[in-house]
Each structure stands twice: as C-alpha cells, then as structure tokens.
Amino acid sequence: MSSGLTSRDAALPSPSEGTADPRTARADHGDGHGHPRRTKAIVAVLAVTGVLSALMQTIVVPLLGELPQLLSTDASNTSWVVTSTLLAAAVTTPISGRLADIHGKRRVLLACIALLILGSILCALTSSFIVVVIGRTLQGAATSVIPLGISILRDELPPERVGSAIALISATLGIGGSVGLVVSAVVAQNYDWHLLFWGSAVIGAIAMALVLLVVPESTLRTPARFDVPGAIGLSAGLICLLLPLTKGAVWGWTSPAVIVLLTASAITLGLWAWFEIRTVDPVVDLRVSAGRAVLLTNIASIMTGFAMYGINLALPQLLQTPASTGYGLGQSMVVTGLCLAPGGLMMLLVSPLSAKLSALRGPRVTLICGLLVIALGYTIAFFAMSEVWHLILVSAVTSCGIALAFGAMPALIMGSVDAHETGAANGLNALMRSLGSSLSSAVVASILANVVIMHSGLTLPAEAAYRWVFGIGIAAALIAAALASAIPSQARQPKV
C-alpha cells in the first residue's frame, strides 16, 4: 500500500487502497454519472446550494440597525439574530459531516436545506423576536451545505474535475455573501423586510428540488453507530466557547458569565476529547485530526477565518461612517453593498486558478499564496483607506486570497484522510474556519467599541481603530501562511 500522495496528487484526492472508489464503480457500470454534462450539472447544483448557505450569513446584516424597531426589542437582544445562526452553524457542521459519512451525504444535505426552508418561513411569517431567533437558528444548519457538497464532489466526480469543482464550491461562500449584502440592502431600504426570508425559502425549495433531480446518493458509507454522547459533548463545549466570544464585548470580558462559560468550555471539551479517543466510532476521529497535515491545516483555517471575517466587519462600517469625521466615506447601505460586490466576482474568477495552481504545485502552495494575498489586501487597507476605490480594491484583493485559500484547504484535508471520512473531516475544517470568524468578531468588535471618538453626539470607531483591525489582519494572515508552510508537502494517506 502506498503510504503517501505527492503534492500534485493531493490536489485531486482519491480514496485509499482497499476502499472501493465509487467513481470507478459507476464508470464500470456505465450509468452515465461520469458524463461531462452530468458532472457539470452536479457541480452547478451544489454551487447553488453553497450560495444559498452563504446568503444566510449576510441576509440580516443591512437590517441590524433597524432590528430593535422591527422586532420590538432592544439592541442587545437583536444581536441574537446573528449569534444564534453562528452557534447553530458551529454545532451542526461537524455533526452533520459525521451523519453524512454514516447515512449518506445527499440525505443529510437535503435535511439541512429543509431546516433552512423551515427557518426562513418562520422568519417570514412573524415579527416576534423569539420566533425570528428560532428561525435564524434553523437557518444556521445551512452552513453545513458547503462542506457536504465538497464531500459529494469527491465521491461523484472524475478525478480530473474534483480540484476545480472544490475551488468553485469553496468560493460560493464569498459569492453568496457579496450578493446577499446587495440584495438585502435594496430590500431593506425599499420593501418589507419579510421578503428577504420569503425569497430564501423559495430559493431553498428550488435548491432542494435540484438536488433531488441531479445529485445522486453516494454508495460510499461508514458502517458505524452515531456517537450521540460525543455529539452532545462537542455541542456543549462549542456553545460554552463561542457564546462568550460573540457576546463578550457586550457582557464584559471579565464578567462572571464569560469566565464561567470559558471555564466550562475548557472542562467540557477536555472531557469530550478524553471520551472520543476511547470511543470506537467517534463523532470526530481525533487521531486522524492530530495528524500533522490535518492539524496544521485546521489551525491555519482558524487564522484564515479570522482574517476573512475581520475585513468583512471593518469595511462596511468604514464605508458608512460619516464623511464629516475626516476619515469616513459616508456611503449609503446600498452603495456599500455595491462596493463590496466585486469581491464576490473576484472569488468566482479566481477559483479556477486555485485549482490549477493546486494541480501544478500542490494545495499547500496554493494555501500559502492565498494567505499572502490576503495579507497584501490588509496592507493596502492599512495605508490606503481614504477613498471609496481604495476599499473596493481592498475587498477585491482579499477576496482573491480567500478564493485561493478556501479552494486549497478542502484539498489538503481530503488528501490526508480516507474517502469514508471526508464528511466529518470537512465538517471539522469548516468548524475551524467558523471558530476563526468568531474570534475575529470578538476582537474586531472590542477594538471598534473601545477605540472611539465622539462626533455630532455619536460614539464612532476612530480612524486608529480601523488601522488596529487591519494591522491584526496582516498578522493573522502571515501567521497562517507560516503554519501552512509547515504542512507536509506530501499528504499522508491513513490506513484503511
């Protein structure tokens, strides 16, 4: 048995020896799944589901300032409209990946889309704060769609198409986010905000129908029982960790709630890890996750998520800060969305380049290049933030780097695990990126809330606050690049 893959092979991972390759089996039976048109249809449908997932992350962003009035509650409560989705995404992503490996990836994908549709309908039918939070929690399950789609691609596509398809699906996170900002801003300014959720429900129903019609169920399964205690322990530990990270700026970082939750998280996750190592069929195989390639890729993913989210938080606020401050750009909500939209287009254009570079030099090199481009984007922002076109350029450059990095990370993961573990492994990697985003949210929110000026009776983030954010973003991207450089150039394939 071969003990490793070359860096070129890692860009297009295949199952290890002794595990039936479903792509080969289908080709032998001549069922047509390897036909180019069939392949393109599968990729297109999974890309639609990826865009839908990303829309859920930004659909309420333009509404944040108006939510207290719309939901008849105070501003501190309305933050739960975003926090609930983040927590649900973090908890469901690794668990849904494991369920997909056991019960079938398409089946779990359809279940996630169904939860999104249900959540959208709940939000569309009400102006009740509690019901909207419940709906947004259900929508958070849609975040699992992208790692599940990537796992399906490995099972269903010919090897030569896997790399480019992974890069495209990974890029949908930025594409959907950019589109969501513009559409949400237009609707928020001109129409009833409930239309946003009716629209997401309709798109979700279309996506579900397309998946049923086009995407086949993988025959590659893991014969195992689902680790219920492990799933509960992981969920509890993540909630105790992410809740203070997302609410710490409001509660106070030294408040009893934050200290108790962080302590509970450390204890819970420690006990969970001890239990998982001793479990026959764990929800997360920590032995595989502790391998150098997977471990370093996941740590680099945390820093990548940190860098990605920081720019997404800072640029809209800077664009909408009043021009009378001397550094703000005074743009409207819709114009701000339009300024950031080119970033999504760049991700779409650059994603094929990510696949080609990974095929030529390996996904490790692609990840390093992507992180260096992200650092370049932050550097431009640090020195040039006085004109609208400066920030459009920053958004475009950082988006190029994110497209390269996001296309490389799943390839690195799948080049390091067995084919029957791809769902759980991709889910864990997506969780690491979410953890990085949560850390970024906590750090950036603290900086923008504490480094402030008084202007026309309003407390606004100072110019220095943005430079702090951009400087930290540079550091995060460079640290991630250093970690990525330590990933083995040959992704080791686990034994079956």
Protein backbone atom coordinates (compact mmCIF):
# COMPACT_ATOMS: atom_id res chain seq x y z
CA MET A 1 0.00 0.00 0.00
CA SER A 2 1.28 3.42 -0.87
CA SER A 3 1.95 5.44 2.24
CA GLY A 4 1.55 8.89 0.73
CA LEU A 5 0.44 11.19 -2.04
CA THR A 6 2.55 13.62 -3.95
CA SER A 7 1.68 17.29 -3.63
CA ARG A 8 0.21 17.14 -7.11
CA ASP A 9 -1.95 14.15 -6.20
CA ALA A 10 -3.13 15.88 -3.04
CA ALA A 11 -4.92 18.48 -5.14
CA LEU A 12 -7.14 15.73 -6.54
CA PRO A 13 -7.53 13.29 -3.64
CA SER A 14 -8.71 9.74 -4.17
CA PRO A 15 -9.74 7.02 -1.73
CA SER A 16 -7.03 4.93 -0.22
CA GLU A 17 -6.18 1.47 -1.47
CA GLY A 18 -8.64 -1.17 -0.33
CA THR A 19 -11.62 1.20 -0.41
CA ALA A 20 -13.87 0.96 -3.42
CA ASP A 21 -13.84 4.14 -5.46
CA PRO A 22 -17.46 4.94 -6.31
CA ARG A 23 -16.40 6.94 -9.37
CA THR A 24 -14.64 3.92 -10.82
CA ALA A 25 -17.51 1.62 -9.92
CA ARG A 26 -20.01 3.86 -11.67
CA ALA A 27 -17.86 4.11 -14.75
CA ASP A 28 -17.63 0.32 -14.88
CA HIS A 29 -21.42 0.04 -14.77
CA GLY A 30 -21.85 2.71 -17.39
CA ASP A 31 -24.61 4.59 -15.60
CA GLY A 32 -23.57 7.90 -17.08
CA HIS A 33 -22.57 9.72 -13.88
CA GLY A 34 -19.16 10.37 -15.37
CA HIS A 35 -20.61 12.11 -18.44
CA PRO A 36 -19.37 15.72 -18.72
CA ARG A 37 -22.91 17.14 -18.77
CA ARG A 38 -23.85 15.14 -15.70
CA THR A 39 -20.69 16.30 -13.96
CA LYS A 40 -21.35 19.95 -14.77
CA ALA A 41 -24.94 19.64 -13.55
CA ILE A 42 -23.84 18.22 -10.20
CA VAL A 43 -21.28 20.99 -9.72
CA ALA A 44 -23.80 23.68 -10.71
CA VAL A 45 -26.45 22.40 -8.30
CA LEU A 46 -24.02 22.14 -5.40
CA ALA A 47 -22.76 25.65 -6.21
CA VAL A 48 -26.35 26.93 -5.94
CA THR A 49 -26.70 25.31 -2.52
CA GLY A 50 -23.37 26.86 -1.48
CA VAL A 51 -24.51 30.34 -2.49
CA LEU A 52 -27.76 29.77 -0.59
CA SER A 53 -25.78 28.82 2.51
CA ALA A 54 -23.65 31.96 2.28
CA LEU A 55 -26.74 34.13 1.84
CA MET A 56 -27.88 33.11 5.31
CA GLN A 57 -24.74 34.66 6.81
CA THR A 58 -25.34 38.16 5.38
CA ILE A 59 -29.09 38.34 4.80
CA VAL A 60 -29.75 40.30 8.01
CA VAL A 61 -26.60 42.46 8.08
CA PRO A 62 -28.22 45.55 6.47
CA LEU A 63 -31.13 45.20 8.90
CA LEU A 64 -29.08 45.21 12.10
CA GLY A 65 -29.60 48.89 12.83
CA GLU A 66 -33.37 48.62 12.34
CA LEU A 67 -33.99 45.27 14.05
CA PRO A 68 -34.75 46.75 17.51
CA GLN A 69 -37.66 48.66 16.00
CA LEU A 70 -38.75 45.87 13.64
CA LEU A 71 -38.77 43.22 16.38
CA SER A 72 -39.87 45.49 19.27
CA THR A 73 -36.85 44.75 21.44
CA ASP A 74 -33.56 46.38 22.42
CA ALA A 75 -30.28 46.38 20.51
CA SER A 76 -28.52 43.91 22.83
CA ASN A 77 -31.26 41.34 22.21
CA THR A 78 -31.25 41.72 18.44
CA SER A 79 -27.63 40.59 18.31
CA TRP A 80 -29.04 37.11 18.91
CA VAL A 81 -30.43 37.19 15.38
CA VAL A 82 -26.82 36.83 14.21
CA THR A 83 -25.38 34.94 17.20
CA SER A 84 -27.97 32.16 17.02
CA THR A 85 -27.08 31.40 13.41
CA LEU A 86 -23.37 31.35 14.22
CA LEU A 87 -23.82 28.96 17.14
CA ALA A 88 -26.10 26.65 15.16
CA ALA A 89 -23.63 26.55 12.28
CA ALA A 90 -20.70 25.71 14.55
CA VAL A 91 -22.57 22.90 16.29
CA THR A 92 -24.24 21.29 13.26
CA THR A 93 -21.33 21.39 10.79
CA PRO A 94 -19.08 18.66 12.30
CA ILE A 95 -22.07 16.59 13.42
CA SER A 96 -23.78 16.70 10.01
CA GLY A 97 -20.49 15.68 8.41
CA ARG A 98 -20.33 12.55 10.55
CA LEU A 99 -24.00 11.75 9.91
CA ALA A 100 -23.33 12.13 6.19
CA ASP A 101 -20.49 9.61 6.31
CA ILE A 102 -22.77 7.10 8.05
CA HIS A 103 -26.19 7.68 6.45
CA GLY A 104 -25.42 9.29 3.10
CA LYS A 105 -24.25 12.75 2.10
CA ARG A 106 -27.18 13.71 -0.12
CA ARG A 107 -29.68 12.67 2.55
CA VAL A 108 -28.05 14.92 5.16
CA LEU A 109 -27.67 17.73 2.61
CA LEU A 110 -31.41 17.62 1.92
CA ALA A 111 -32.13 17.65 5.65
CA CYS A 112 -30.01 20.80 6.09
CA ILE A 113 -31.80 22.55 3.23
CA ALA A 114 -35.16 21.54 4.72
CA LEU A 115 -34.18 23.14 8.04
CA LEU A 116 -33.18 26.30 6.18
CA ILE A 117 -36.55 26.45 4.42
CA LEU A 118 -38.42 25.92 7.69
CA GLY A 119 -36.36 28.63 9.40
CA SER A 120 -36.95 31.05 6.51
CA ILE A 121 -40.72 30.50 6.61
CA LEU A 122 -40.78 31.10 10.38
CA CYS A 123 -38.93 34.41 9.97
CA ALA A 124 -41.13 35.41 7.02
CA LEU A 125 -44.38 34.87 8.95
CA THR A 126 -43.59 36.85 12.10
CA SER A 127 -42.20 39.97 13.70
CA SER A 128 -41.74 38.23 17.03
CA PHE A 129 -38.17 38.41 18.31
CA ILE A 130 -38.23 34.90 19.82
CA VAL A 131 -39.64 33.27 16.68
CA VAL A 132 -37.13 35.07 14.44
CA VAL A 133 -34.26 33.82 16.61
CA ILE A 134 -35.62 30.27 16.35
CA GLY A 135 -35.88 30.65 12.59
CA ARG A 136 -32.35 32.01 12.32
CA THR A 137 -31.10 29.08 14.42
CA LEU A 138 -32.65 26.67 11.93
CA GLN A 139 -31.09 28.63 9.06
CA GLY A 140 -27.69 28.12 10.67
CA ALA A 141 -27.86 24.46 9.69
CA ALA A 142 -27.39 25.57 6.08
CA THR A 143 -23.73 26.29 6.76
CA SER A 144 -23.14 22.53 6.57
CA VAL A 145 -24.12 22.61 2.89
CA ILE A 146 -20.69 23.68 1.62
CA PRO A 147 -18.54 21.00 3.34
CA LEU A 148 -21.18 18.39 2.48
CA GLY A 149 -21.11 19.50 -1.15
CA ILE A 150 -17.33 19.21 -1.23
CA SER A 151 -17.53 15.66 0.13
CA ILE A 152 -20.11 14.74 -2.53
CA LEU A 153 -17.80 16.06 -5.24
CA ARG A 154 -15.05 13.67 -4.17
CA ASP A 155 -17.46 10.74 -4.41
CA GLU A 156 -19.20 11.64 -7.66
CA LEU A 157 -16.79 13.43 -9.99
CA PRO A 158 -13.99 12.10 -12.17
CA PRO A 159 -10.59 12.77 -10.55
CA GLU A 160 -9.62 15.40 -13.13
CA ARG A 161 -12.66 17.54 -12.24
CA VAL A 162 -12.51 17.37 -8.45
CA GLY A 163 -9.96 20.14 -7.87
CA SER A 164 -11.72 22.84 -9.93
CA ALA A 165 -15.13 21.87 -8.53
CA ILE A 166 -13.90 22.08 -4.93
CA ALA A 167 -12.45 25.53 -5.61
CA LEU A 168 -15.76 26.73 -7.07
CA ILE A 169 -17.88 25.38 -4.21
CA SER A 170 -15.47 26.91 -1.67
CA ALA A 171 -15.73 30.27 -3.45
CA THR A 172 -19.52 30.30 -3.13
CA LEU A 173 -19.09 31.43 0.49
CA GLY A 174 -17.79 34.79 -0.72
CA ILE A 175 -20.04 34.96 -3.78
CA GLY A 176 -23.22 34.40 -1.78
CA GLY A 177 -22.08 36.77 0.93
CA SER A 178 -21.46 39.59 -1.54
CA VAL A 179 -24.73 39.05 -3.39
CA GLY A 180 -26.58 38.82 -0.10
CA LEU A 181 -25.31 42.19 1.08
CA VAL A 182 -26.53 43.97 -2.06
CA VAL A 183 -29.91 42.25 -2.28
CA SER A 184 -30.57 42.63 1.44
CA ALA A 185 -29.67 46.32 1.35
CA VAL A 186 -32.01 47.01 -1.58
CA VAL A 187 -34.90 45.13 0.03
CA ALA A 188 -34.27 46.69 3.45
CA GLN A 189 -34.39 50.21 2.02
CA ASN A 190 -37.34 49.79 -0.33
CA TYR A 191 -39.54 46.83 0.68
CA ASP A 192 -40.91 44.83 3.59
CA TRP A 193 -38.02 43.01 5.27
CA HIS A 194 -40.04 39.77 5.39
CA LEU A 195 -39.48 39.46 1.62
CA LEU A 196 -35.86 38.52 2.35
CA PHE A 197 -36.98 35.37 4.12
CA TRP A 198 -39.70 34.51 1.63
CA GLY A 199 -37.03 34.76 -1.03
CA SER A 200 -34.64 32.47 0.84
CA ALA A 201 -37.45 29.94 1.35
CA VAL A 202 -38.24 29.90 -2.37
CA ILE A 203 -34.56 29.57 -3.33
CA GLY A 204 -34.21 26.79 -0.75
CA ALA A 205 -37.15 24.89 -2.25
CA ILE A 206 -35.65 25.23 -5.73
CA ALA A 207 -32.27 24.03 -4.44
CA MET A 208 -33.88 21.02 -2.77
CA ALA A 209 -35.67 20.06 -5.98
CA LEU A 210 -32.44 20.38 -7.97
CA VAL A 211 -30.53 18.21 -5.51
CA LEU A 212 -33.24 15.54 -5.71
CA LEU A 213 -33.17 15.61 -9.51
CA VAL A 214 -29.45 15.88 -10.20
CA VAL A 215 -27.27 14.80 -7.27
CA PRO A 216 -27.00 11.01 -6.74
CA GLU A 217 -26.66 9.47 -3.31
CA SER A 218 -23.15 8.23 -2.65
CA THR A 219 -22.69 4.50 -2.22
CA LEU A 220 -19.67 5.17 0.00
CA ARG A 221 -20.75 4.80 3.65
CA THR A 222 -19.08 4.30 7.00
CA PRO A 223 -20.60 1.26 8.77
CA ALA A 224 -20.80 2.74 12.26
CA ARG A 225 -23.16 3.84 15.01
CA PHE A 226 -23.55 7.56 15.53
CA ASP A 227 -21.73 8.78 18.63
CA VAL A 228 -24.57 10.52 20.49
CA PRO A 229 -22.61 11.28 23.72
CA GLY A 230 -19.75 12.66 21.63
CA ALA A 231 -22.12 14.90 19.66
CA ILE A 232 -23.70 16.22 22.87
CA GLY A 233 -20.32 16.87 24.46
CA LEU A 234 -18.98 18.64 21.37
CA SER A 235 -22.13 20.79 21.11
CA ALA A 236 -21.99 21.79 24.77
CA GLY A 237 -18.29 22.62 24.60
CA LEU A 238 -18.67 24.70 21.44
CA ILE A 239 -21.64 26.65 22.80
CA CYS A 240 -19.75 27.41 26.01
CA LEU A 241 -16.77 28.58 23.94
CA LEU A 242 -18.49 30.56 21.18
CA LEU A 243 -21.13 32.25 23.32
CA PRO A 244 -18.65 34.34 25.37
CA LEU A 245 -16.59 35.03 22.24
CA THR A 246 -19.59 36.51 20.45
CA LYS A 247 -21.13 38.26 23.47
CA GLY A 248 -18.02 39.15 25.44
CA ALA A 249 -17.90 42.72 24.16
CA VAL A 250 -21.46 43.26 25.45
CA TRP A 251 -21.23 41.30 28.71
CA GLY A 252 -17.70 42.43 29.55
CA TRP A 253 -14.64 40.19 29.16
CA THR A 254 -14.15 39.91 32.92
CA SER A 255 -17.84 39.36 33.72
CA PRO A 256 -18.80 36.21 35.69
CA ALA A 257 -20.80 34.87 32.71
CA VAL A 258 -17.80 34.99 30.36
CA ILE A 259 -15.40 33.48 32.90
CA VAL A 260 -17.80 30.67 33.84
CA LEU A 261 -18.60 29.80 30.23
CA LEU A 262 -14.95 29.75 29.12
CA THR A 263 -14.04 27.58 32.11
CA ALA A 264 -16.94 25.25 31.36
CA SER A 265 -15.83 25.07 27.73
CA ALA A 266 -12.28 24.06 28.65
CA ILE A 267 -13.52 21.35 31.04
CA THR A 268 -16.22 20.06 28.68
CA LEU A 269 -14.00 19.90 25.60
CA GLY A 270 -11.24 18.26 27.63
CA LEU A 271 -13.57 15.53 28.87
CA TRP A 272 -15.03 15.20 25.38
CA ALA A 273 -11.56 14.66 23.86
CA TRP A 274 -10.76 12.03 26.52
CA PHE A 275 -14.02 10.23 25.71
CA GLU A 276 -13.60 10.46 21.92
CA ILE A 277 -10.14 8.88 21.97
CA ARG A 278 -11.62 5.87 23.76
CA THR A 279 -14.72 5.57 21.54
CA VAL A 280 -14.80 3.04 18.72
CA ASP A 281 -16.81 5.26 16.32
CA PRO A 282 -16.22 8.85 17.48
CA VAL A 283 -18.07 11.82 16.02
CA VAL A 284 -14.59 13.33 15.39
CA ASP A 285 -11.63 10.99 14.97
CA LEU A 286 -9.04 12.89 16.98
CA ARG A 287 -6.26 10.50 15.95
CA VAL A 288 -6.75 11.44 12.31
CA SER A 289 -7.26 15.10 13.22
CA ALA A 290 -3.98 15.08 15.19
CA GLY A 291 -2.00 14.08 12.10
CA ARG A 292 0.39 16.83 11.11
CA ALA A 293 -1.21 17.67 7.76
CA VAL A 294 -4.77 17.81 9.11
CA LEU A 295 -3.82 19.55 12.36
CA LEU A 296 -1.78 22.31 10.72
CA THR A 297 -4.41 22.81 8.01
CA ASN A 298 -7.12 23.21 10.64
CA ILE A 299 -5.06 25.66 12.71
CA ALA A 300 -4.29 27.65 9.55
CA SER A 301 -8.03 27.58 8.82
CA ILE A 302 -8.73 29.29 12.15
CA MET A 303 -6.40 32.13 11.23
CA THR A 304 -7.83 32.28 7.69
CA GLY A 305 -11.35 32.57 9.05
CA PHE A 306 -10.11 35.30 11.39
CA ALA A 307 -8.59 37.30 8.52
CA MET A 308 -11.61 36.82 6.25
CA TYR A 309 -14.20 37.95 8.79
CA GLY A 310 -12.20 40.93 10.00
CA ILE A 311 -12.26 42.63 6.62
CA ASN A 312 -15.98 41.86 6.25
CA LEU A 313 -16.71 43.58 9.56
CA ALA A 314 -14.49 46.62 9.12
CA LEU A 315 -15.08 47.70 5.51
CA PRO A 316 -18.89 48.20 5.69
CA GLN A 317 -18.59 50.30 8.86
CA LEU A 318 -15.80 52.43 7.41
CA LEU A 319 -17.73 52.99 4.18
CA GLN A 320 -20.83 54.12 6.11
CA THR A 321 -19.02 56.31 8.67
CA PRO A 322 -19.97 59.99 8.08
CA ALA A 323 -17.55 61.81 5.81
CA SER A 324 -17.59 64.74 8.25
CA THR A 325 -15.37 62.71 10.59
CA GLY A 326 -12.48 63.29 8.18
CA TYR A 327 -11.85 59.59 7.53
CA GLY A 328 -15.32 58.11 6.96
CA LEU A 329 -16.67 57.75 3.43
CA GLY A 330 -20.35 58.50 4.07
CA GLN A 331 -21.86 55.89 1.77
CA SER A 332 -25.40 54.51 1.93
CA MET A 333 -26.27 50.92 2.75
CA VAL A 334 -26.92 50.04 -0.91
CA VAL A 335 -23.76 51.73 -2.19
CA THR A 336 -21.76 49.93 0.49
CA GLY A 337 -23.11 46.61 -0.74
CA LEU A 338 -22.25 47.52 -4.33
CA CYS A 339 -18.72 48.48 -3.30
CA LEU A 340 -18.17 45.07 -1.73
CA ALA A 341 -19.87 43.09 -4.51
CA PRO A 342 -16.76 42.98 -6.79
CA GLY A 343 -15.13 40.86 -4.10
CA GLY A 344 -17.61 38.06 -4.77
CA LEU A 345 -16.99 38.34 -8.51
CA MET A 346 -13.24 38.05 -7.94
CA MET A 347 -13.75 34.88 -5.92
CA LEU A 348 -15.69 33.38 -8.82
CA LEU A 349 -12.98 34.35 -11.32
CA VAL A 350 -10.05 33.23 -9.17
CA SER A 351 -11.45 29.86 -8.07
CA PRO A 352 -10.33 28.07 -11.29
CA LEU A 353 -6.83 29.50 -10.74
CA SER A 354 -6.81 27.94 -7.27
CA ALA A 355 -7.49 24.51 -8.77
CA LYS A 356 -4.86 24.90 -11.49
CA LEU A 357 -2.20 26.07 -9.04
CA SER A 358 -3.02 23.16 -6.71
CA ALA A 359 -2.74 20.72 -9.61
CA LEU A 360 0.64 22.14 -10.62
CA ARG A 361 2.27 22.82 -7.26
CA GLY A 362 0.02 21.21 -4.66
CA PRO A 363 -2.68 22.72 -2.39
CA ARG A 364 -0.11 23.66 0.29
CA VAL A 365 1.49 26.16 -2.09
CA THR A 366 -1.95 27.46 -3.09
CA LEU A 367 -2.90 27.99 0.55
CA ILE A 368 0.33 29.89 1.25
CA CYS A 369 -0.19 32.09 -1.82
CA GLY A 370 -3.78 32.81 -0.82
CA LEU A 371 -2.78 33.85 2.68
CA LEU A 372 -0.04 36.14 1.37
CA VAL A 373 -2.58 37.79 -0.96
CA ILE A 374 -4.93 38.30 2.00
CA ALA A 375 -2.04 39.91 3.90
CA LEU A 376 -1.45 42.17 0.87
CA GLY A 377 -5.11 43.24 0.91
CA TYR A 378 -4.92 44.15 4.60
CA THR A 379 -1.68 46.03 3.96
CA ILE A 380 -3.33 48.12 1.26
CA ALA A 381 -6.17 48.88 3.68
CA PHE A 382 -3.72 49.89 6.41
CA PHE A 383 -2.06 52.51 4.19
CA ALA A 384 -4.93 53.48 1.83
CA MET A 385 -8.41 53.92 3.28
CA SER A 386 -9.31 57.49 2.36
CA GLU A 387 -11.19 56.86 -0.93
CA VAL A 388 -14.03 54.56 -1.89
CA TRP A 389 -11.97 52.97 -4.64
CA HIS A 390 -9.29 52.12 -2.08
CA LEU A 391 -11.72 49.91 -0.20
CA ILE A 392 -13.12 48.39 -3.39
CA LEU A 393 -9.53 47.40 -4.24
CA VAL A 394 -9.00 46.02 -0.73
CA SER A 395 -12.17 43.93 -0.99
CA ALA A 396 -11.16 42.59 -4.41
CA VAL A 397 -7.59 41.70 -3.37
CA THR A 398 -8.57 39.99 -0.11
CA SER A 399 -11.32 38.10 -1.94
CA CYS A 400 -8.75 36.76 -4.40
CA GLY A 401 -6.69 35.49 -1.49
CA ILE A 402 -9.72 33.95 0.20
CA ALA A 403 -10.65 32.14 -3.04
CA LEU A 404 -7.17 30.64 -3.28
CA ALA A 405 -7.08 29.64 0.40
CA PHE A 406 -10.61 28.25 0.59
CA GLY A 407 -10.06 26.17 -2.53
CA ALA A 408 -6.86 24.67 -1.11
CA MET A 409 -7.97 23.75 2.42
CA PRO A 410 -10.51 21.03 1.50
CA ALA A 411 -8.00 19.54 -0.96
CA LEU A 412 -5.39 19.35 1.81
CA ILE A 413 -7.89 17.73 4.18
CA MET A 414 -9.15 15.18 1.65
CA GLY A 415 -5.61 14.34 0.61
CA SER A 416 -4.94 13.37 4.23
CA VAL A 417 -7.99 11.27 5.20
CA ASP A 418 -9.70 8.16 3.88
CA ALA A 419 -12.60 8.57 1.48
CA HIS A 420 -15.15 7.33 4.04
CA GLU A 421 -14.10 10.09 6.50
CA THR A 422 -14.41 13.10 4.19
CA GLY A 423 -17.76 14.31 5.56
CA ALA A 424 -16.58 14.52 9.16
CA ALA A 425 -13.14 15.84 8.19
CA ASN A 426 -14.57 18.64 6.02
CA GLY A 427 -17.12 19.45 8.71
CA LEU A 428 -14.36 19.84 11.29
CA ASN A 429 -12.36 22.05 8.92
CA ALA A 430 -15.42 24.24 8.34
CA LEU A 431 -15.83 24.44 12.13
CA MET A 432 -12.24 25.70 12.44
CA ARG A 433 -12.99 28.48 9.97
CA SER A 434 -16.14 29.36 11.95
CA LEU A 435 -14.09 29.44 15.13
CA GLY A 436 -11.69 31.86 13.46
CA SER A 437 -14.61 34.04 12.39
CA SER A 438 -15.94 34.06 15.95
CA LEU A 439 -12.55 35.08 17.33
CA SER A 440 -12.35 37.80 14.69
CA SER A 441 -15.81 39.04 15.59
CA ALA A 442 -14.82 39.27 19.26
CA VAL A 443 -11.51 41.04 18.61
CA VAL A 444 -12.80 43.46 15.97
CA ALA A 445 -15.94 44.31 17.96
CA SER A 446 -13.82 45.09 21.02
CA ILE A 447 -11.48 47.34 19.07
CA LEU A 448 -14.25 49.21 17.27
CA ALA A 449 -16.19 49.62 20.53
CA ASN A 450 -13.26 50.87 22.63
CA VAL A 451 -11.09 52.93 20.27
CA VAL A 452 -13.69 55.61 19.58
CA ILE A 453 -14.36 59.29 19.02
CA MET A 454 -17.39 61.49 19.77
CA HIS A 455 -18.87 63.03 16.63
CA SER A 456 -22.12 65.02 16.49
CA GLY A 457 -23.28 63.34 19.67
CA LEU A 458 -22.49 59.86 18.36
CA THR A 459 -19.82 57.43 19.53
CA LEU A 460 -18.00 56.16 16.44
CA PRO A 461 -14.94 53.95 15.87
CA ALA A 462 -11.86 56.13 15.48
CA GLU A 463 -9.57 56.00 12.46
CA ALA A 464 -6.97 54.34 14.66
CA ALA A 465 -9.44 51.52 15.40
CA TYR A 466 -9.54 50.55 11.74
CA ARG A 467 -5.76 50.63 11.49
CA TRP A 468 -5.59 48.30 14.51
CA VAL A 469 -8.02 45.91 12.79
CA PHE A 470 -6.06 45.98 9.54
CA GLY A 471 -2.74 45.52 11.34
CA ILE A 472 -4.07 42.49 13.25
CA GLY A 473 -5.44 41.11 9.97
CA ILE A 474 -1.97 41.31 8.43
CA ALA A 475 -0.52 39.44 11.39
CA ALA A 476 -3.25 36.75 11.27
CA ALA A 477 -2.70 36.09 7.57
CA LEU A 478 1.10 35.92 7.93
CA ILE A 479 0.85 33.56 10.93
CA ALA A 480 -1.47 31.32 8.92
CA ALA A 481 0.99 31.37 6.00
CA ALA A 482 3.80 30.32 8.33
CA LEU A 483 1.68 27.45 9.65
CA ALA A 484 0.76 26.41 6.11
CA SER A 485 4.44 26.31 5.14
CA ALA A 486 4.95 23.65 7.83
CA ILE A 487 2.26 21.36 6.34
CA PRO A 488 3.97 18.30 4.82
CA SER A 489 4.31 18.66 1.06
CA GLN A 490 3.21 15.02 0.77
CA ALA A 491 -0.23 14.48 2.34
CA ARG A 492 -0.10 11.21 4.18
CA GLN A 493 -2.95 8.78 3.46
CA PRO A 494 -4.32 6.98 6.55
CA LYS A 495 -4.58 3.24 6.60
CA VAL A 496 -7.93 1.61 5.99
